[in-house]
Amino acid sequence: MLDAQATSEKLLSEAEIRAVLDKGLAKKFTSKKVLVLIPDHTRTMPLPQLFRMMVEVLGDASKLDFMVALGTHPPLDEAALLKLVGLTREERLTKYGWIGITNHAWDQPDALVQIGTITQDRVKEIAGSAWHETLGGDIPIRINKRVQDYDHIIILGPTFPHEVVGFSGGAKYLFPGISGAEIINVSHWLGALISILKIIGIKDTPVRKLINAAADMVKTPVTLVSLVVVGEGLAGVFIGELREAWSAAADLSAKRHITWVEKPFQRVLAFTPPMYDELWTAGKAMYKTEPAVADGGEIIIYAPHLDTVSVVHGKYLDRIGYHPLAYFLKQWDKFKDIPLGVLAHSTHVRGGGTFEDGVEKPRIKVTLASKISAEDCKKLSLGYMDPNSVKIEEWQGKEKERVLYVPKAGEMLYRVKPAT
């Protein structure tokens, strides 16, 4: 049974959100040291509002810190951290001076501790028919060692359809959120081996089982505050045990975040909001629309603000570009030194396809309309469109012509209704 929950067919009011947080969290962590895990700016949620509420509800904790569960995203500087939680510098130094706000550091060995190992045999069991030798051997499970300094972990984050794990949220805030690189790489590669089309918007997946297996090794107790975000507000809040609260949120996300269409589209213009400030995250515009695109169709990632492939992983992507899974598997010796998570991102953005006799045949065309130049797009094996040439009004209202415009791509999943 959940500790507390609240849902609305429209959006929850501020009073309703505060009431469910009070019921689920208040007076349960008195004199305890509490760490709250939160997402970065690439996830939509009313975090400034929730940050203040959480501090008030958990104000009787002896220690209260917030950590941004970055995975491998770039760390946020002080100004970005303050913007994320909605604080002025003066508030940070005065009223909220006792609260810690930090980044996870996935690439700093001294910041991590190993808490266990998932054996290769266990990975094979979880992966099932998707198992491939490129997944490697045993996985050392490392996590931010600061979790050992707290009496309790609270995860505060949204659940959306997700390209790697099926639905985001829950244990994903631990692995990859505050983990070491090993489980990040293997989990993302397992998702790539299965393919987005078979994972995204599916509740029970091998990747979810893998990260749950890692989460079972965390000794510090965990409570999940799982959110279902619609627009800029909340349609659901579920508080309780990690898997149970996530499961309830995923069920509601499936109802609120999936748009079913009658026929696949031939072309999609996916407007990618500025919160996706590198292609590493802007690729979500592709992931969430690909299931509704016909073979031979095209997705245009329209991101006129975007000028970066990846701050952290760009050096690898400049070398390998974007290709279907078969391109890498059939030339493994050329790519075996590339981190699996990078290869997974490449295949996710490029989509399905074949590679036979040295010829690559992607299922669909993927085009960038951004500040990334035509020359660089060609090197990345992606199409190019001048963002200044895009006239949104020419894309709107053309669904009957098998053309779709998505005004805020990256969160709402589009799928074709199954044949009856």
Protein backbone atom coordinates (compact mmCIF):
# COMPACT_ATOMS: atom_id res chain seq x y z
CA MET A 1 0.00 0.00 0.00
CA LEU A 2 1.23 3.48 -0.83
CA ASP A 3 1.87 5.95 1.97
CA ALA A 4 -0.01 8.64 0.06
CA GLN A 5 -1.27 9.41 -3.41
CA ALA A 6 -3.24 12.06 -5.25
CA THR A 7 -4.42 12.23 -8.84
CA SER A 8 -6.51 14.56 -10.95
CA GLU A 9 -8.07 14.28 -14.40
CA LYS A 10 -6.80 17.83 -14.90
CA LEU A 11 -4.05 19.10 -12.57
CA LEU A 12 -3.54 18.99 -8.82
CA SER A 13 -3.81 22.29 -6.98
CA GLU A 14 -0.99 23.59 -4.81
CA ALA A 15 -3.04 22.72 -1.72
CA GLU A 16 -3.60 19.17 -2.94
CA ILE A 17 0.12 18.71 -3.65
CA ARG A 18 1.05 20.00 -0.21
CA ALA A 19 -1.53 17.75 1.42
CA VAL A 20 -0.20 14.58 -0.21
CA LEU A 21 3.39 15.50 0.70
CA ASP A 22 2.33 16.11 4.29
CA LYS A 23 0.52 12.78 4.47
CA GLY A 24 3.35 10.82 2.88
CA LEU A 25 6.40 12.48 4.44
CA ALA A 26 5.70 14.78 7.38
CA LYS A 27 7.00 13.73 10.81
CA LYS A 28 8.49 10.53 9.39
CA PHE A 29 12.09 11.72 9.33
CA THR A 30 12.36 13.72 12.52
CA SER A 31 16.02 14.07 13.57
CA LYS A 32 17.07 11.92 10.58
CA LYS A 33 19.68 12.73 7.97
CA VAL A 34 17.85 12.83 4.63
CA LEU A 35 19.13 13.00 1.04
CA VAL A 36 16.65 14.00 -1.67
CA LEU A 37 17.51 13.03 -5.25
CA ILE A 38 16.17 15.35 -7.95
CA PRO A 39 16.47 15.57 -11.76
CA ASP A 40 18.34 18.25 -13.68
CA HIS A 41 16.83 20.81 -16.04
CA THR A 42 16.25 18.23 -18.80
CA ARG A 43 13.17 16.88 -17.00
CA THR A 44 9.92 18.83 -16.81
CA MET A 45 8.49 19.27 -13.32
CA PRO A 46 7.58 22.20 -11.03
CA LEU A 47 10.77 21.74 -9.03
CA PRO A 48 10.99 25.28 -7.58
CA GLN A 49 7.54 24.84 -6.06
CA LEU A 50 8.26 21.32 -4.86
CA PHE A 51 11.67 22.22 -3.46
CA ARG A 52 10.14 24.75 -1.07
CA MET A 53 7.38 22.36 -0.08
CA MET A 54 9.82 19.53 0.56
CA VAL A 55 12.01 21.73 2.75
CA GLU A 56 8.96 22.74 4.79
CA VAL A 57 7.63 19.19 5.11
CA LEU A 58 11.06 17.78 6.00
CA GLY A 59 12.11 20.72 8.13
CA ASP A 60 12.46 18.59 11.27
CA ALA A 61 15.22 16.46 9.73
CA SER A 62 18.59 16.89 11.42
CA LYS A 63 20.23 17.17 7.98
CA LEU A 64 18.57 17.76 4.63
CA ASP A 65 20.46 17.78 1.34
CA PHE A 66 19.45 17.66 -2.33
CA MET A 67 21.56 15.95 -4.98
CA VAL A 68 21.01 16.28 -8.73
CA ALA A 69 20.89 12.76 -10.16
CA LEU A 70 22.85 13.65 -13.28
CA GLY A 71 23.77 10.25 -14.63
CA THR A 72 26.42 11.33 -17.14
CA HIS A 73 24.90 14.76 -17.86
CA PRO A 74 27.20 17.77 -17.34
CA PRO A 75 27.33 19.14 -13.77
CA LEU A 76 25.42 22.33 -12.99
CA ASP A 77 27.27 25.39 -11.73
CA GLU A 78 26.02 27.35 -8.72
CA ALA A 79 23.84 29.68 -10.79
CA ALA A 80 22.25 26.74 -12.62
CA LEU A 81 21.61 24.89 -9.35
CA LEU A 82 19.86 27.93 -7.91
CA LYS A 83 17.74 28.30 -11.05
CA LEU A 84 16.88 24.60 -10.95
CA VAL A 85 15.34 24.84 -7.47
CA GLY A 86 14.08 28.40 -7.85
CA LEU A 87 16.21 30.19 -5.26
CA THR A 88 17.74 33.62 -5.32
CA ARG A 89 21.32 33.95 -4.15
CA GLU A 90 20.11 35.81 -1.07
CA GLU A 91 17.67 33.03 -0.19
CA ARG A 92 20.43 30.48 -0.64
CA LEU A 93 22.63 32.31 1.86
CA THR A 94 19.90 32.97 4.41
CA LYS A 95 16.68 30.97 4.71
CA TYR A 96 18.01 27.92 2.84
CA GLY A 97 21.61 28.12 3.94
CA TRP A 98 21.35 24.89 5.94
CA ILE A 99 20.30 22.88 2.88
CA GLY A 100 22.98 21.20 0.76
CA ILE A 101 22.49 21.29 -3.03
CA THR A 102 25.06 19.29 -4.99
CA ASN A 103 25.72 17.40 -8.23
CA HIS A 104 26.38 13.70 -8.62
CA ALA A 105 29.90 12.99 -9.91
CA TRP A 106 29.76 9.79 -11.95
CA ASP A 107 33.28 10.18 -13.34
CA GLN A 108 35.13 10.77 -10.06
CA PRO A 109 36.25 7.43 -8.59
CA ASP A 110 36.76 8.95 -5.16
CA ALA A 111 33.09 9.98 -5.10
CA LEU A 112 31.87 6.39 -5.60
CA VAL A 113 31.70 3.21 -3.57
CA GLN A 114 31.10 -0.35 -4.79
CA ILE A 115 28.11 -1.95 -3.05
CA GLY A 116 27.93 -5.22 -4.95
CA THR A 117 28.21 -7.05 -8.26
CA ILE A 118 25.69 -8.29 -10.79
CA THR A 119 27.20 -11.40 -12.31
CA GLN A 120 27.27 -12.10 -16.01
CA ASP A 121 24.98 -15.09 -15.44
CA ARG A 122 22.44 -12.80 -13.77
CA VAL A 123 22.68 -10.32 -16.65
CA LYS A 124 22.08 -13.19 -19.11
CA GLU A 125 19.04 -14.27 -17.11
CA ILE A 126 17.62 -10.73 -17.07
CA ALA A 127 18.41 -10.01 -20.74
CA GLY A 128 16.88 -13.25 -22.00
CA SER A 129 16.77 -13.41 -25.78
CA ALA A 130 18.35 -9.93 -25.98
CA TRP A 131 21.61 -11.18 -24.46
CA HIS A 132 24.66 -10.43 -26.57
CA GLU A 133 28.30 -11.03 -25.75
CA THR A 134 29.00 -7.30 -26.16
CA LEU A 135 27.26 -6.75 -22.82
CA GLY A 136 30.44 -8.07 -21.22
CA GLY A 137 31.04 -9.80 -17.91
CA ASP A 138 30.19 -9.07 -14.30
CA ILE A 139 29.00 -5.53 -13.52
CA PRO A 140 30.48 -3.82 -10.45
CA ILE A 141 27.69 -1.76 -8.89
CA ARG A 142 29.04 1.58 -7.77
CA ILE A 143 27.03 4.43 -6.31
CA ASN A 144 27.72 7.88 -4.93
CA LYS A 145 29.28 7.09 -1.57
CA ARG A 146 27.48 9.99 0.10
CA VAL A 147 24.35 7.82 0.33
CA GLN A 148 26.09 6.09 3.21
CA ASP A 149 26.07 9.35 5.19
CA TYR A 150 22.27 9.48 5.41
CA ASP A 151 19.55 7.65 7.29
CA HIS A 152 17.12 7.85 4.38
CA ILE A 153 16.98 8.62 0.66
CA ILE A 154 13.95 10.29 -0.91
CA ILE A 155 13.64 10.27 -4.69
CA LEU A 156 11.63 13.18 -6.08
CA GLY A 157 11.12 12.97 -9.82
CA PRO A 158 8.76 12.50 -12.75
CA THR A 159 7.83 9.39 -14.70
CA PHE A 160 7.55 9.53 -18.51
CA PRO A 161 7.80 6.95 -21.30
CA HIS A 162 11.52 6.27 -21.68
CA GLU A 163 13.63 4.95 -24.53
CA VAL A 164 15.99 2.79 -22.47
CA VAL A 165 13.99 1.49 -19.54
CA GLY A 166 10.35 1.71 -20.70
CA PHE A 167 9.18 4.33 -18.23
CA SER A 168 11.54 6.65 -16.39
CA GLY A 169 11.64 7.35 -12.67
CA GLY A 170 11.90 5.11 -9.64
CA ALA A 171 15.17 3.21 -9.30
CA LYS A 172 16.46 5.02 -12.37
CA TYR A 173 17.34 7.93 -10.06
CA LEU A 174 19.82 5.58 -8.39
CA PHE A 175 21.03 3.76 -11.50
CA PRO A 176 22.09 5.63 -13.59
CA GLY A 177 21.14 8.75 -11.61
CA ILE A 178 23.88 8.57 -8.97
CA SER A 179 25.83 5.52 -10.09
CA GLY A 180 29.17 4.70 -11.63
CA ALA A 181 29.66 4.23 -15.36
CA GLU A 182 29.49 0.44 -15.50
CA ILE A 183 25.76 -0.04 -14.88
CA ILE A 184 25.01 3.07 -16.95
CA ASN A 185 26.77 1.61 -19.97
CA VAL A 186 25.37 -1.91 -19.71
CA SER A 187 21.79 -0.83 -19.04
CA HIS A 188 21.76 1.56 -22.00
CA TRP A 189 23.36 -1.00 -24.31
CA LEU A 190 20.86 -3.64 -23.26
CA GLY A 191 18.12 -1.18 -24.18
CA ALA A 192 19.75 -0.62 -27.57
CA LEU A 193 19.98 -4.37 -28.20
CA ILE A 194 16.26 -4.70 -27.53
CA SER A 195 15.44 -1.48 -29.49
CA ILE A 196 13.38 1.57 -28.64
CA LEU A 197 10.37 0.28 -30.55
CA LYS A 198 10.15 -2.73 -28.24
CA ILE A 199 10.85 -0.85 -25.00
CA ILE A 200 9.53 2.68 -24.95
CA GLY A 201 6.22 2.97 -23.13
CA ILE A 202 6.44 -0.65 -21.92
CA LYS A 203 6.23 -1.03 -18.15
CA ASP A 204 8.05 -4.29 -17.50
CA THR A 205 11.34 -4.50 -19.40
CA PRO A 206 14.66 -6.30 -18.93
CA VAL A 207 16.38 -2.96 -18.37
CA ARG A 208 13.99 -2.10 -15.52
CA LYS A 209 14.74 -5.51 -13.99
CA LEU A 210 18.47 -4.81 -14.27
CA ILE A 211 18.34 -1.45 -12.49
CA ASN A 212 15.99 -2.88 -9.86
CA ALA A 213 18.56 -5.62 -9.20
CA ALA A 214 21.16 -2.92 -8.63
CA ALA A 215 18.77 -0.93 -6.42
CA ASP A 216 18.27 -3.99 -4.21
CA MET A 217 21.92 -3.61 -3.18
CA VAL A 218 21.41 -0.13 -1.70
CA LYS A 219 21.30 -0.48 2.08
CA THR A 220 20.02 3.01 2.87
CA PRO A 221 16.18 2.98 2.99
CA VAL A 222 14.49 4.68 0.02
CA THR A 223 11.13 6.42 -0.30
CA LEU A 224 9.90 7.45 -3.73
CA VAL A 225 7.85 10.54 -4.52
CA SER A 226 6.90 9.71 -8.11
CA LEU A 227 5.30 12.46 -10.16
CA VAL A 228 3.22 12.42 -13.32
CA VAL A 229 3.72 15.78 -15.02
CA VAL A 230 1.28 17.17 -17.57
CA GLY A 231 2.23 20.51 -19.08
CA GLU A 232 3.86 22.43 -16.24
CA GLY A 233 1.71 20.89 -13.50
CA LEU A 234 1.10 17.58 -11.75
CA ALA A 235 -1.61 15.08 -12.61
CA GLY A 236 -0.40 12.56 -10.03
CA VAL A 237 1.78 12.16 -6.96
CA PHE A 238 2.57 8.70 -5.56
CA ILE A 239 4.56 8.30 -2.34
CA GLY A 240 5.81 5.05 -0.91
CA GLU A 241 8.06 2.05 -1.46
CA LEU A 242 10.32 2.37 -4.49
CA ARG A 243 8.76 -0.16 -6.84
CA GLU A 244 5.16 0.30 -5.74
CA ALA A 245 5.12 4.07 -6.10
CA TRP A 246 6.90 3.88 -9.46
CA SER A 247 4.46 1.24 -10.72
CA ALA A 248 1.47 3.43 -9.90
CA ALA A 249 3.08 6.43 -11.60
CA ALA A 250 3.96 4.39 -14.70
CA ASP A 251 0.34 3.24 -15.00
CA LEU A 252 -0.86 6.85 -14.96
CA SER A 253 1.92 7.96 -17.31
CA ALA A 254 0.74 5.35 -19.82
CA LYS A 255 -2.66 7.04 -19.79
CA ARG A 256 -1.48 10.66 -19.87
CA HIS A 257 1.73 10.56 -21.92
CA ILE A 258 0.95 8.32 -24.91
CA THR A 259 -0.86 9.60 -28.00
CA TRP A 260 -2.23 6.81 -30.17
CA VAL A 261 -2.56 7.50 -33.89
CA GLU A 262 -4.45 5.61 -36.58
CA LYS A 263 -1.70 5.53 -39.22
CA PRO A 264 2.04 6.18 -39.21
CA PHE A 265 3.28 9.58 -40.33
CA GLN A 266 5.60 10.16 -43.25
CA ARG A 267 7.25 13.30 -41.85
CA VAL A 268 7.52 14.74 -38.35
CA LEU A 269 8.74 18.17 -37.29
CA ALA A 270 9.65 17.75 -33.63
CA PHE A 271 10.25 21.10 -31.95
CA THR A 272 12.83 20.50 -29.24
CA PRO A 273 12.64 22.92 -26.28
CA PRO A 274 15.71 24.75 -24.95
CA MET A 275 15.84 22.55 -21.82
CA TYR A 276 17.52 20.01 -24.13
CA ASP A 277 20.74 21.92 -24.61
CA GLU A 278 22.75 19.19 -26.35
CA LEU A 279 21.89 16.46 -28.83
CA TRP A 280 22.59 13.91 -26.09
CA THR A 281 19.21 14.88 -24.56
CA ALA A 282 17.53 16.47 -27.60
CA GLY A 283 17.49 13.01 -29.13
CA LYS A 284 14.33 12.47 -27.10
CA ALA A 285 12.49 14.29 -29.88
CA MET A 286 13.40 11.30 -32.06
CA TYR A 287 12.72 8.60 -29.48
CA LYS A 288 9.20 9.76 -28.65
CA THR A 289 8.05 10.06 -32.27
CA GLU A 290 9.85 7.23 -34.08
CA PRO A 291 7.20 4.60 -33.18
CA ALA A 292 4.65 6.64 -35.18
CA VAL A 293 6.80 7.08 -38.32
CA ALA A 294 6.47 4.87 -41.39
CA ASP A 295 9.38 3.05 -42.97
CA GLY A 296 11.19 5.51 -45.22
CA GLY A 297 9.79 8.47 -43.32
CA GLU A 298 11.64 11.38 -41.76
CA ILE A 299 11.94 12.99 -38.34
CA ILE A 300 13.28 16.54 -38.20
CA ILE A 301 14.71 17.46 -34.82
CA TYR A 302 13.96 21.18 -34.90
CA ALA A 303 16.18 22.76 -32.25
CA PRO A 304 17.22 26.25 -33.41
CA HIS A 305 19.02 26.87 -30.10
CA LEU A 306 21.16 23.71 -30.24
CA ASP A 307 24.88 23.95 -31.02
CA THR A 308 26.39 21.02 -29.09
CA VAL A 309 26.33 17.27 -29.65
CA SER A 310 27.50 16.36 -26.14
CA VAL A 311 29.71 18.13 -23.64
CA VAL A 312 30.75 14.89 -21.97
CA HIS A 313 30.66 12.39 -24.85
CA GLY A 314 31.15 14.57 -27.91
CA LYS A 315 34.67 13.32 -28.61
CA TYR A 316 33.32 9.80 -29.13
CA LEU A 317 30.31 10.86 -31.17
CA ASP A 318 32.46 12.99 -33.46
CA ARG A 319 34.39 9.82 -34.19
CA ILE A 320 31.57 7.31 -34.64
CA GLY A 321 28.57 9.38 -35.74
CA TYR A 322 25.01 8.04 -35.63
CA HIS A 323 24.12 4.62 -37.02
CA PRO A 324 21.69 1.69 -36.64
CA LEU A 325 22.62 -1.08 -34.23
CA ALA A 326 23.73 -3.49 -36.97
CA TYR A 327 26.38 -1.02 -38.12
CA PHE A 328 28.21 -1.46 -34.82
CA LEU A 329 27.56 -5.14 -34.17
CA LYS A 330 28.86 -6.21 -37.58
CA GLN A 331 32.05 -4.15 -37.19
CA TRP A 332 32.57 -4.66 -33.47
CA ASP A 333 36.37 -4.62 -33.53
CA LYS A 334 36.25 -1.02 -34.79
CA PHE A 335 34.02 0.16 -31.97
CA LYS A 336 34.68 -2.09 -28.96
CA ASP A 337 36.68 0.65 -27.21
CA ILE A 338 33.74 3.09 -27.29
CA PRO A 339 31.66 3.26 -24.08
CA LEU A 340 28.52 1.18 -24.49
CA GLY A 341 26.33 4.06 -23.37
CA VAL A 342 27.64 6.21 -26.22
CA LEU A 343 27.00 3.47 -28.77
CA ALA A 344 23.51 3.09 -27.35
CA HIS A 345 22.80 6.80 -27.72
CA SER A 346 24.02 6.70 -31.32
CA THR A 347 21.70 3.85 -32.27
CA HIS A 348 18.76 5.34 -30.38
CA VAL A 349 19.00 8.64 -32.26
CA ARG A 350 19.53 6.95 -35.64
CA GLY A 351 16.78 4.38 -35.21
CA GLY A 352 16.45 0.95 -36.73
CA GLY A 353 18.07 -0.25 -39.91
CA THR A 354 20.37 -2.78 -41.54
CA PHE A 355 24.02 -3.05 -42.48
CA GLU A 356 24.81 -5.54 -45.22
CA ASP A 357 27.90 -5.79 -47.46
CA GLY A 358 29.16 -2.48 -46.14
CA VAL A 359 25.92 -0.68 -46.98
CA GLU A 360 23.92 1.00 -44.25
CA LYS A 361 20.14 1.29 -44.71
CA PRO A 362 18.42 3.17 -41.85
CA ARG A 363 14.69 2.61 -41.44
CA ILE A 364 13.96 6.34 -41.46
CA LYS A 365 15.77 9.59 -42.14
CA VAL A 366 16.82 11.73 -39.17
CA THR A 367 17.48 15.41 -39.88
CA LEU A 368 18.82 18.14 -37.64
CA ALA A 369 17.57 21.69 -37.95
CA SER A 370 19.89 23.38 -35.47
CA LYS A 371 23.06 25.43 -35.16
CA ILE A 372 25.08 22.30 -35.90
CA SER A 373 26.41 22.87 -39.42
CA ALA A 374 25.60 20.92 -42.56
CA GLU A 375 29.20 19.73 -42.68
CA ASP A 376 29.08 18.44 -39.12
CA CYS A 377 25.71 16.78 -39.70
CA LYS A 378 27.19 14.93 -42.67
CA LYS A 379 30.10 13.73 -40.51
CA LEU A 380 27.58 12.50 -37.97
CA SER A 381 25.58 10.70 -40.71
CA LEU A 382 22.54 12.86 -40.03
CA GLY A 383 20.56 15.01 -42.42
CA TYR A 384 20.72 18.80 -42.26
CA MET A 385 18.06 21.47 -42.57
CA ASP A 386 18.59 25.21 -42.14
CA PRO A 387 16.56 26.08 -39.01
CA ASN A 388 15.81 29.51 -40.48
CA SER A 389 13.99 27.84 -43.35
CA VAL A 390 11.46 26.17 -41.07
CA LYS A 391 8.01 27.76 -41.15
CA ILE A 392 5.98 26.10 -38.42
CA GLU A 393 2.66 27.16 -39.90
CA GLU A 394 3.44 25.01 -42.94
CA TRP A 395 3.59 21.94 -40.69
CA GLN A 396 0.56 22.51 -38.51
CA GLY A 397 -2.77 20.78 -39.05
CA LYS A 398 -1.55 18.35 -41.69
CA GLU A 399 -2.10 15.05 -39.88
CA LYS A 400 -4.40 13.82 -42.66
CA GLU A 401 -1.48 14.31 -45.05
CA ARG A 402 0.62 12.11 -42.75
CA VAL A 403 2.61 15.09 -41.51
CA LEU A 404 2.93 15.77 -37.76
CA TYR A 405 4.12 18.84 -35.90
CA VAL A 406 5.02 18.32 -32.23
CA PRO A 407 5.27 21.68 -30.40
CA LYS A 408 7.20 20.32 -27.40
CA ALA A 409 8.88 17.09 -28.35
CA GLY A 410 10.68 14.77 -25.95
CA GLU A 411 8.07 13.74 -23.40
CA MET A 412 4.82 12.77 -25.11
CA LEU A 413 5.11 9.39 -26.84
CA TYR A 414 3.41 8.82 -30.21
CA ARG A 415 2.45 5.28 -31.19
CA VAL A 416 0.35 3.68 -33.91
CA LYS A 417 -2.72 1.83 -32.70
CA PRO A 418 -2.33 -1.93 -33.05
CA ALA A 419 -4.28 -3.53 -35.86
CA THR A 420 -7.53 -5.16 -34.74
